[in-house]
Protein backbone atom coordinates (compact mmCIF):
# COMPACT_ATOMS: atom_id res chain seq x y z
CA MET A 1 -19.52 0.92 -52.08
CA LEU A 2 -18.84 -2.38 -53.67
CA ARG A 3 -16.71 -4.38 -51.23
CA ASN A 4 -13.28 -4.80 -52.89
CA LEU A 5 -14.52 -2.29 -55.74
CA SER A 6 -15.64 0.69 -53.71
CA ILE A 7 -18.29 3.08 -55.80
CA ALA A 8 -20.51 1.05 -58.77
CA LEU A 9 -21.99 4.19 -60.41
CA VAL A 10 -21.71 3.71 -64.43
CA ILE A 11 -19.02 3.52 -67.04
CA VAL A 12 -20.53 4.68 -69.02
CA ILE A 13 -16.55 3.51 -66.69
CA ALA A 14 -17.32 0.24 -64.11
CA PHE A 15 -16.38 2.13 -61.06
CA SER A 16 -19.50 2.54 -59.49
CA THR A 17 -19.39 4.59 -56.25
CA GLY A 18 -19.32 1.88 -53.45
CA ALA A 19 -17.97 -1.61 -53.03
CA ILE A 20 -19.10 -4.55 -54.12
CA LEU A 21 -19.47 -8.12 -52.35
CA GLY A 22 -19.68 -11.10 -54.19
CA GLY A 23 -22.24 -14.34 -54.30
CA LYS A 24 -22.29 -17.76 -56.58
CA GLY A 25 -22.61 -18.85 -60.31
CA VAL A 26 -21.35 -16.69 -63.07
CA VAL A 27 -21.30 -13.38 -62.10
CA ASN A 28 -18.90 -14.32 -58.82
CA ASP A 29 -16.72 -16.42 -61.07
CA LYS A 30 -16.11 -12.82 -62.79
CA LEU A 31 -16.18 -10.89 -59.38
CA ASN A 32 -13.73 -13.33 -57.90
CA LYS A 33 -11.70 -13.03 -60.84
CA TYR A 34 -11.05 -8.95 -59.83
CA GLY A 35 -10.57 -9.77 -56.16
CA PHE A 36 -14.47 -9.17 -55.05
CA SER A 37 -15.24 -11.41 -52.09
CA ALA A 38 -18.03 -13.94 -52.20
CA PHE A 39 -19.56 -12.89 -48.66
CA ALA A 40 -22.79 -14.28 -47.51
CA ALA A 41 -22.36 -16.91 -50.71
CA GLY A 42 -25.09 -19.48 -50.68
CA SER A 43 -26.92 -17.73 -47.56
CA VAL A 44 -29.81 -16.41 -49.59
CA ALA A 45 -33.69 -17.17 -48.29
CA THR A 46 -35.42 -18.90 -50.98
CA GLU A 47 -38.79 -19.91 -49.23
CA GLN A 48 -41.45 -17.20 -49.19
CA PRO A 49 -41.57 -15.13 -45.96
CA VAL A 50 -43.92 -16.72 -43.19
CA ASP A 51 -45.27 -13.19 -42.26
CA THR A 52 -46.43 -11.68 -46.06
CA ASN A 53 -49.45 -11.98 -47.42
CA LEU A 54 -48.67 -12.67 -51.26
CA THR A 55 -52.34 -13.19 -52.26
CA PRO A 56 -52.97 -9.83 -53.43
CA LEU A 57 -49.69 -10.71 -55.89
CA TRP A 58 -51.03 -13.62 -57.02
CA LYS A 59 -54.66 -12.26 -57.89
CA ALA A 60 -53.03 -9.16 -59.64
CA TRP A 61 -50.83 -11.87 -61.87
CA GLY A 62 -54.47 -13.49 -62.58
CA LEU A 63 -56.28 -10.48 -63.66
CA LEU A 64 -53.41 -9.45 -66.01
CA ASP A 65 -53.17 -12.67 -67.53
CA ASP A 66 -56.85 -12.54 -67.94
CA LYS A 67 -57.61 -8.91 -68.88
CA PHE A 68 -54.79 -7.12 -70.57
CA VAL A 69 -54.65 -6.25 -73.84
CA ASP A 70 -51.46 -4.63 -75.35
CA ALA A 71 -53.46 -1.59 -76.84
CA TYR A 72 -50.58 -0.40 -79.22
CA ALA A 73 -49.84 -3.17 -80.71
CA THR A 74 -50.17 -3.47 -84.50
CA THR A 75 -50.87 -6.98 -85.24
CA THR A 76 -53.55 -8.92 -84.53
CA ALA A 77 -51.56 -12.11 -83.47
CA THR A 78 -51.37 -12.78 -79.45
CA THR A 79 -48.45 -12.67 -77.98
CA THR A 80 -47.98 -16.32 -75.84
CA LYS A 81 -48.18 -16.31 -72.05
CA LYS A 82 -44.96 -18.02 -72.31
CA ASP A 83 -43.12 -15.01 -73.86
CA ILE A 84 -44.20 -12.47 -71.28
CA ARG A 85 -43.89 -14.53 -68.20
CA GLU A 86 -39.88 -13.82 -68.10
CA ASP A 87 -40.69 -10.19 -68.24
CA GLN A 88 -43.51 -10.71 -65.90
CA VAL A 89 -40.54 -11.96 -63.10
CA TRP A 90 -37.87 -9.86 -63.82
CA GLY A 91 -40.21 -6.49 -63.49
CA LEU A 92 -41.54 -7.92 -59.70
CA ILE A 93 -38.18 -8.43 -58.55
CA SER A 94 -37.14 -4.96 -59.97
CA GLY A 95 -39.97 -3.39 -58.42
CA LEU A 96 -39.17 -5.66 -55.35
CA ALA A 97 -35.80 -4.06 -55.50
CA GLU A 98 -36.76 -0.69 -56.30
CA SER A 99 -39.51 -0.47 -53.00
CA MET A 100 -36.26 -0.61 -50.31
CA GLY A 101 -35.87 3.01 -51.44
CA ASP A 102 -32.39 2.79 -52.07
CA PRO A 103 -30.64 3.67 -55.42
CA TYR A 104 -27.63 1.50 -55.14
CA THR A 105 -30.09 -1.76 -54.79
CA VAL A 106 -31.10 -3.00 -58.10
CA PHE A 107 -32.05 -6.10 -60.17
CA LEU A 108 -29.71 -6.50 -63.01
CA PRO A 109 -32.05 -8.36 -66.07
CA PRO A 110 -30.00 -10.59 -68.52
CA SER A 111 -28.83 -7.39 -70.90
CA GLN A 112 -27.61 -5.41 -67.57
CA ALA A 113 -26.01 -8.29 -65.90
CA GLU A 114 -23.92 -8.35 -69.12
CA VAL A 115 -22.99 -5.30 -69.49
CA PHE A 116 -22.07 -5.59 -65.68
CA ASN A 117 -20.04 -8.45 -66.11
CA ALA A 118 -18.55 -6.56 -69.62
CA ASP A 119 -17.72 -2.89 -67.20
CA ILE A 120 -15.86 -5.63 -64.58
CA SER A 121 -13.86 -7.60 -67.59
CA GLY A 122 -12.22 -3.87 -68.16
CA SER A 123 -13.44 -3.60 -71.78
CA PHE A 124 -15.35 -0.28 -72.10
CA GLU A 125 -16.86 2.02 -74.90
CA GLY A 126 -18.55 4.72 -73.42
CA VAL A 127 -18.26 8.00 -72.22
CA GLY A 128 -16.19 8.17 -69.19
CA MET A 129 -18.30 9.29 -66.05
CA GLU A 130 -19.75 7.84 -63.02
CA ILE A 131 -23.53 8.73 -62.60
CA ALA A 132 -25.44 8.21 -59.65
CA ILE A 133 -29.21 8.46 -58.27
CA ARG A 134 -29.15 11.36 -56.24
CA ASP A 135 -32.49 12.36 -54.58
CA ARG A 136 -34.08 10.50 -57.50
CA ILE A 137 -32.52 12.42 -60.21
CA LEU A 138 -29.84 11.07 -62.71
CA THR A 139 -26.59 12.66 -61.06
CA VAL A 140 -23.34 12.89 -62.97
CA VAL A 141 -20.52 11.92 -59.94
CA SER A 142 -17.18 12.28 -61.85
CA PRO A 143 -16.30 12.45 -65.67
CA LEU A 144 -13.13 11.02 -65.76
CA LYS A 145 -10.17 12.98 -66.68
CA GLY A 146 -9.10 12.87 -70.61
CA THR A 147 -12.32 11.16 -71.22
CA PRO A 148 -15.28 12.66 -73.58
CA ALA A 149 -17.06 13.44 -71.03
CA PHE A 150 -14.17 15.44 -68.96
CA THR A 151 -13.35 17.11 -72.12
CA SER A 152 -16.83 17.78 -73.57
CA GLY A 153 -17.15 19.79 -70.48
CA ILE A 154 -19.98 17.41 -68.03
CA LYS A 155 -19.21 18.17 -64.39
CA SER A 156 -19.63 16.80 -61.34
CA ALA A 157 -23.13 17.33 -59.87
CA ASP A 158 -24.43 18.16 -63.22
CA LYS A 159 -28.37 16.83 -63.15
CA ILE A 160 -28.60 14.46 -66.39
CA VAL A 161 -32.75 15.34 -67.39
CA LYS A 162 -32.62 13.55 -70.78
CA ILE A 163 -30.44 11.52 -72.90
CA ASP A 164 -30.91 12.14 -76.25
CA ASP A 165 -34.79 11.98 -76.72
CA THR A 166 -35.40 10.28 -73.44
CA ASN A 167 -36.47 11.80 -70.27
CA THR A 168 -34.81 10.32 -66.99
CA LYS A 169 -36.91 10.99 -64.91
CA ASP A 170 -37.48 7.79 -62.62
CA MET A 171 -34.80 6.13 -64.66
CA SER A 172 -32.92 3.38 -63.51
CA ILE A 173 -28.86 2.97 -63.31
CA GLY A 174 -28.94 0.28 -65.44
CA THR A 175 -31.37 1.83 -68.05
CA ALA A 176 -29.36 5.09 -68.12
CA VAL A 177 -26.22 2.92 -68.76
CA GLN A 178 -27.47 1.18 -72.02
CA LEU A 179 -28.69 4.39 -73.40
CA ILE A 180 -25.23 5.89 -72.68
CA ARG A 181 -23.05 3.25 -73.27
CA GLY A 182 -22.68 2.60 -77.27
CA LYS A 183 -20.33 2.27 -80.23
CA LYS A 184 -16.73 4.30 -80.11
CA GLY A 185 -17.51 7.51 -82.74
CA THR A 186 -20.94 7.64 -82.04
CA ASP A 187 -22.64 10.65 -79.81
CA VAL A 188 -24.92 11.07 -77.39
CA ILE A 189 -26.59 14.24 -76.20
CA PHE A 190 -27.17 15.33 -72.63
CA THR A 191 -29.93 17.57 -71.39
CA ILE A 192 -28.19 19.11 -68.57
CA VAL A 193 -29.31 21.13 -65.12
CA ARG A 194 -26.26 22.85 -63.35
CA GLU A 195 -26.06 24.87 -60.46
CA GLY A 196 -25.85 28.49 -61.55
CA GLU A 197 -27.12 28.20 -64.78
CA GLY A 198 -30.33 29.77 -65.70
CA GLU A 199 -31.21 27.67 -68.46
CA LEU A 200 -30.81 23.66 -69.80
CA LEU A 201 -27.46 22.82 -71.18
CA ASP A 202 -27.33 20.60 -74.53
CA ILE A 203 -23.82 18.95 -74.20
CA THR A 204 -22.71 16.35 -77.08
CA VAL A 205 -20.31 13.95 -75.99
CA THR A 206 -18.58 11.13 -78.80
CA ARG A 207 -18.33 8.27 -77.60
CA ASP A 208 -15.12 6.48 -77.32
CA THR A 209 -12.67 3.60 -75.76
CA ILE A 210 -12.30 4.29 -72.36
CA GLN A 211 -8.82 4.47 -70.93
CA ILE A 212 -8.67 4.62 -67.02
CA PRO A 213 -6.47 6.76 -66.00
CA THR A 214 -4.74 6.15 -62.65
CA ILE A 215 -1.83 7.94 -61.48
CA GLU A 216 -0.05 10.96 -61.91
CA THR A 217 3.00 12.81 -60.07
CA TYR A 218 4.81 16.11 -60.00
CA LYS A 219 7.09 18.33 -58.09
CA ARG A 220 7.17 21.82 -57.71
CA ASP A 221 9.81 23.85 -57.19
CA ASP A 222 8.59 25.53 -54.01
CA GLY A 223 9.03 22.22 -51.82
CA ILE A 224 5.57 20.59 -52.45
CA PHE A 225 5.03 17.35 -54.36
CA VAL A 226 1.66 16.64 -55.80
CA ILE A 227 0.56 13.19 -56.43
CA GLU A 228 -3.03 12.51 -58.94
CA LEU A 229 -4.99 9.93 -58.33
CA SER A 230 -7.54 9.30 -60.48
CA ASN A 231 -9.15 5.83 -59.51
CA PHE A 232 -8.85 3.33 -57.26
CA SER A 233 -8.09 0.26 -59.34
CA ALA A 234 -6.44 -3.21 -58.83
CA LYS A 235 -2.86 -1.44 -60.05
CA SER A 236 -3.00 1.92 -58.22
CA SER A 237 -1.85 0.82 -54.75
CA GLU A 238 1.46 -0.40 -56.29
CA LEU A 239 1.34 2.96 -58.51
CA PHE A 240 0.88 4.78 -55.09
CA ARG A 241 3.65 3.17 -53.50
CA GLN A 242 6.03 3.96 -56.74
CA ALA A 243 4.96 7.77 -56.17
CA LEU A 244 5.78 7.85 -52.26
CA MET A 245 9.16 6.38 -53.36
CA GLU A 246 9.37 9.34 -55.86
CA PHE A 247 8.95 12.09 -53.24
CA VAL A 248 10.67 10.32 -50.77
CA GLU A 249 13.74 10.86 -53.22
CA THR A 250 13.11 14.26 -53.75
CA GLY A 251 14.09 14.96 -49.90
CA TYR A 252 10.37 17.48 -49.35
CA ASP A 253 8.40 17.20 -46.43
CA LYS A 254 5.08 18.66 -48.01
CA LEU A 255 2.67 16.38 -49.94
CA ILE A 256 -0.60 16.98 -51.86
CA ILE A 257 -2.79 13.77 -52.72
CA ASP A 258 -5.39 14.97 -55.13
CA LEU A 259 -8.64 13.17 -55.23
CA ARG A 260 -10.85 15.31 -57.37
CA GLY A 261 -13.00 14.18 -59.65
CA ASN A 262 -11.93 10.34 -58.15
CA PRO A 263 -15.39 8.28 -57.81
CA GLY A 264 -13.81 5.58 -56.37
CA GLY A 265 -12.27 1.88 -56.42
CA TYR A 266 -11.14 -1.06 -54.61
CA LEU A 267 -11.55 -0.97 -50.90
CA SER A 268 -8.37 -2.75 -50.61
CA ALA A 269 -6.37 -0.30 -52.94
CA ALA A 270 -7.57 2.75 -50.15
CA THR A 271 -7.01 0.56 -47.10
CA ASP A 272 -3.52 -0.10 -48.75
CA MET A 273 -3.25 3.61 -49.33
CA ALA A 274 -4.03 4.44 -45.77
CA SER A 275 -1.58 2.05 -44.13
CA TRP A 276 1.47 4.17 -45.54
CA PHE A 277 0.31 7.25 -43.07
CA LEU A 278 -1.21 5.11 -40.07
CA PRO A 279 0.15 2.81 -37.26
CA THR A 280 0.03 -0.81 -37.81
CA GLY A 281 -4.26 -1.60 -36.58
CA LYS A 282 -5.15 1.89 -36.65
CA ILE A 283 -8.98 1.45 -38.03
CA VAL A 284 -9.08 2.44 -41.73
CA VAL A 285 -13.19 1.73 -42.05
CA THR A 286 -15.53 -0.96 -40.92
CA GLU A 287 -18.47 -2.31 -42.91
CA ASP A 288 -21.22 -1.75 -40.39
CA TYR A 289 -23.79 -4.49 -41.11
CA GLY A 290 -26.55 -3.10 -38.94
CA GLY A 291 -27.06 -6.17 -36.89
CA ASN A 292 -27.49 -8.56 -39.96
CA GLY A 293 -24.06 -9.99 -39.75
CA GLU A 294 -20.67 -9.14 -37.61
CA ASN A 295 -19.03 -6.17 -38.67
CA LYS A 296 -15.67 -6.58 -40.59
CA ILE A 297 -13.05 -3.99 -39.69
CA HIS A 298 -10.29 -2.78 -41.66
CA ARG A 299 -7.01 -1.70 -40.62
CA SER A 300 -3.70 -0.15 -41.54
CA ARG A 301 -1.30 -2.68 -42.44
CA GLY A 302 1.50 -0.20 -40.67
CA TYR A 303 3.61 1.01 -43.40
CA ASP A 304 3.59 4.25 -42.01
CA ILE A 305 6.74 6.20 -43.37
CA PHE A 306 5.15 9.33 -43.99
CA GLU A 307 7.48 12.29 -42.19
CA GLY A 308 6.17 15.85 -43.27
CA GLU A 309 2.55 17.80 -44.03
CA LEU A 310 0.02 16.42 -46.00
CA VAL A 311 -2.77 17.52 -47.67
CA ILE A 312 -5.63 16.00 -49.57
CA LEU A 313 -7.49 17.57 -52.64
CA MET A 314 -11.26 16.87 -52.65
CA ASP A 315 -14.71 17.89 -54.42
CA ARG A 316 -18.00 16.50 -55.26
CA GLY A 317 -16.42 14.17 -57.82
CA SER A 318 -14.36 12.80 -54.64
CA ALA A 319 -16.71 9.62 -53.86
CA SER A 320 -16.40 6.12 -52.19
CA ALA A 321 -12.97 4.98 -51.49
CA SER A 322 -11.40 8.32 -52.07
CA GLU A 323 -14.27 9.42 -49.32
CA ILE A 324 -12.73 6.25 -47.16
CA LEU A 325 -8.94 7.63 -48.01
CA ALA A 326 -9.20 11.33 -47.42
CA GLY A 327 -12.00 10.69 -44.18
CA SER A 328 -9.77 8.32 -42.50
CA LEU A 329 -6.88 10.16 -42.54
CA LYS A 330 -8.61 13.58 -41.54
CA GLU A 331 -10.34 11.36 -38.21
CA HIS A 332 -6.77 9.76 -37.49
CA GLY A 333 -5.26 13.55 -37.78
CA VAL A 334 -3.22 12.94 -40.28
CA ALA A 335 -3.95 15.30 -43.46
CA THR A 336 -5.88 18.43 -44.11
CA LEU A 337 -8.67 18.40 -46.24
CA ILE A 338 -9.00 21.51 -48.64
CA GLY A 339 -11.83 22.02 -51.57
CA THR A 340 -15.67 21.24 -51.28
CA ARG A 341 -17.74 18.90 -49.72
CA SER A 342 -17.06 15.08 -51.36
CA PHE A 343 -20.18 13.23 -52.99
CA GLY A 344 -21.24 11.13 -50.17
CA LYS A 345 -21.22 7.20 -50.73
CA GLY A 346 -21.16 5.75 -47.50
CA SER A 347 -22.54 2.50 -48.59
CA VAL A 348 -22.19 -1.45 -48.93
CA GLN A 349 -23.13 -3.43 -52.55
CA GLU A 350 -23.37 -7.31 -52.76
CA VAL A 351 -23.70 -8.67 -55.97
CA LEU A 352 -26.08 -12.12 -55.67
CA ASP A 353 -26.83 -14.26 -58.81
CA ILE A 354 -30.73 -14.99 -59.20
CA THR A 355 -30.52 -17.01 -61.93
CA SER A 356 -27.34 -17.96 -64.35
CA GLU A 357 -27.68 -14.73 -66.42
CA THR A 358 -29.19 -12.38 -63.53
CA SER A 359 -28.60 -10.65 -60.49
CA LEU A 360 -29.17 -8.35 -57.41
CA LYS A 361 -27.14 -5.96 -56.40
CA VAL A 362 -28.32 -5.36 -52.61
CA THR A 363 -27.31 -2.71 -50.31
CA VAL A 364 -25.88 -4.91 -47.13
CA ALA A 365 -23.99 -2.12 -45.29
CA ARG A 366 -22.39 0.76 -44.65
CA TRP A 367 -19.09 2.78 -44.04
CA LEU A 368 -17.69 3.83 -40.95
CA LEU A 369 -14.80 6.35 -40.69
CA ALA A 370 -12.19 5.59 -37.70
CA GLY A 371 -14.70 2.93 -36.31
CA ASP A 372 -17.98 5.26 -35.44
CA VAL A 373 -18.03 7.97 -38.25
CA PHE A 374 -20.62 7.92 -41.35
CA ILE A 375 -19.76 8.55 -44.23
CA THR A 376 -23.74 10.14 -44.84
CA LYS A 377 -25.01 11.12 -48.24
CA GLU A 378 -24.48 14.88 -47.77
CA GLY A 379 -20.82 13.66 -47.93
CA ILE A 380 -17.41 14.80 -46.17
CA ASP A 381 -16.67 18.85 -45.18
CA PRO A 382 -13.21 19.89 -45.80
CA ASP A 383 -11.10 20.98 -42.92
CA ILE A 384 -10.58 24.57 -45.29
CA GLU A 385 -13.25 25.03 -47.84
CA VAL A 386 -12.56 26.94 -51.31
CA GLU A 387 -14.58 29.73 -51.86
CA PHE A 388 -14.35 29.96 -55.72
CA PRO A 389 -15.38 33.55 -57.69
CA GLU A 390 -18.88 34.50 -59.06
CA GLU A 391 -18.18 34.55 -62.43
CA ILE A 392 -14.89 32.71 -63.49
CA ASP A 393 -13.89 33.84 -67.31
CA GLU A 394 -13.37 30.85 -69.66
CA ASP A 395 -10.03 31.62 -70.22
CA ASP A 396 -9.34 31.62 -66.60
CA ASP A 397 -7.11 28.87 -65.78
CA THR A 398 -6.59 29.04 -62.05
CA ASP A 399 -6.63 26.23 -60.39
CA TYR A 400 -7.85 27.74 -56.92
CA THR A 401 -8.06 24.46 -54.93
CA LEU A 402 -4.22 23.70 -55.26
CA GLU A 403 -3.49 27.17 -54.78
CA ARG A 404 -5.23 27.41 -51.05
CA ALA A 405 -3.35 23.77 -50.56
CA VAL A 406 -0.44 25.65 -51.65
CA GLU A 407 -0.40 28.72 -49.78
CA TYR A 408 -1.79 26.51 -46.61
CA LEU A 409 1.41 24.58 -47.00
CA LEU A 410 3.76 27.39 -47.34
CA GLU A 411 2.42 29.57 -44.25
């Protein structure tokens, strides 16, 4: 998770499954504007590691300079070494980041850094879904409700094997974002592998300006109040407070928080929301830096006004900040989780500038719920797992997860 922003998958929208920390320079200015921390700013080593022999690297570089010929060039004109030097450097850094074996540790060259900054600024034209690399496969975390991806039928856990005519094998998130994003009104075709489907699915999505939904509330006649939370944005803490006030005014004592398809967002929002259900000082989540720095503990602010029964709905599209809120309240015995296993995004990313136009997003920590419970890549298991019919008719609009939660609360 990004540090104050909890998932950075794709926007396609801006909330990536994680929390990003800041660095220095242009990117850091953008992050700080939106509440990101400048953890470890200026602490990056720039000297060659003393225990690393870089002779093979320089030898390979020299051989490429002397020997390489572009066999597919359609002109006899030669490209100057100066023209390719920058691409070579970006390629080296990208390969170094990829060698860490972590899908969330990536180098952002100028074009991708520009997209990242545009996401942070809140200006999006795309399809409205979160993506991540899962087991080396480009995977949908969640389509956002009401967006083109959602209405076109894309689902959480769909595996994207092609974007238009481009195979996604070993494709980076940054490259995928560039292919998916585009002008409003244009189409992008996703070739999908979906569990339970015997054939590949081709789904055409028309790009649009993405208006990220945040929160919806409604009260049921059976005495249950429902809060549907779509993301953890900068404004979601205040909207959640207002929703809880609505709940209190109803006089109800049964609350459902629906985090299905919620890909995450600001960590501070998740901590603030948890504070309505936990006493002062209770641990919401800990950033474990694996010995590379002092762990940071995020504690409840102690609003603790809730009285009644609480159920949280979750699915494979619940990630990052969603997992922190749901997992922490589960570990403290405050909430019952109902649905299916969550996505599994338990790491923290820091964004550091490499140059004024490039940056490096590095996984620097992992999340620990209630102090010592990891959010693993397998996700969080619900207390009550919902079983769905093997075959569901197209005209069956039954919300099986919500019905199971209502059944539980009314028992």
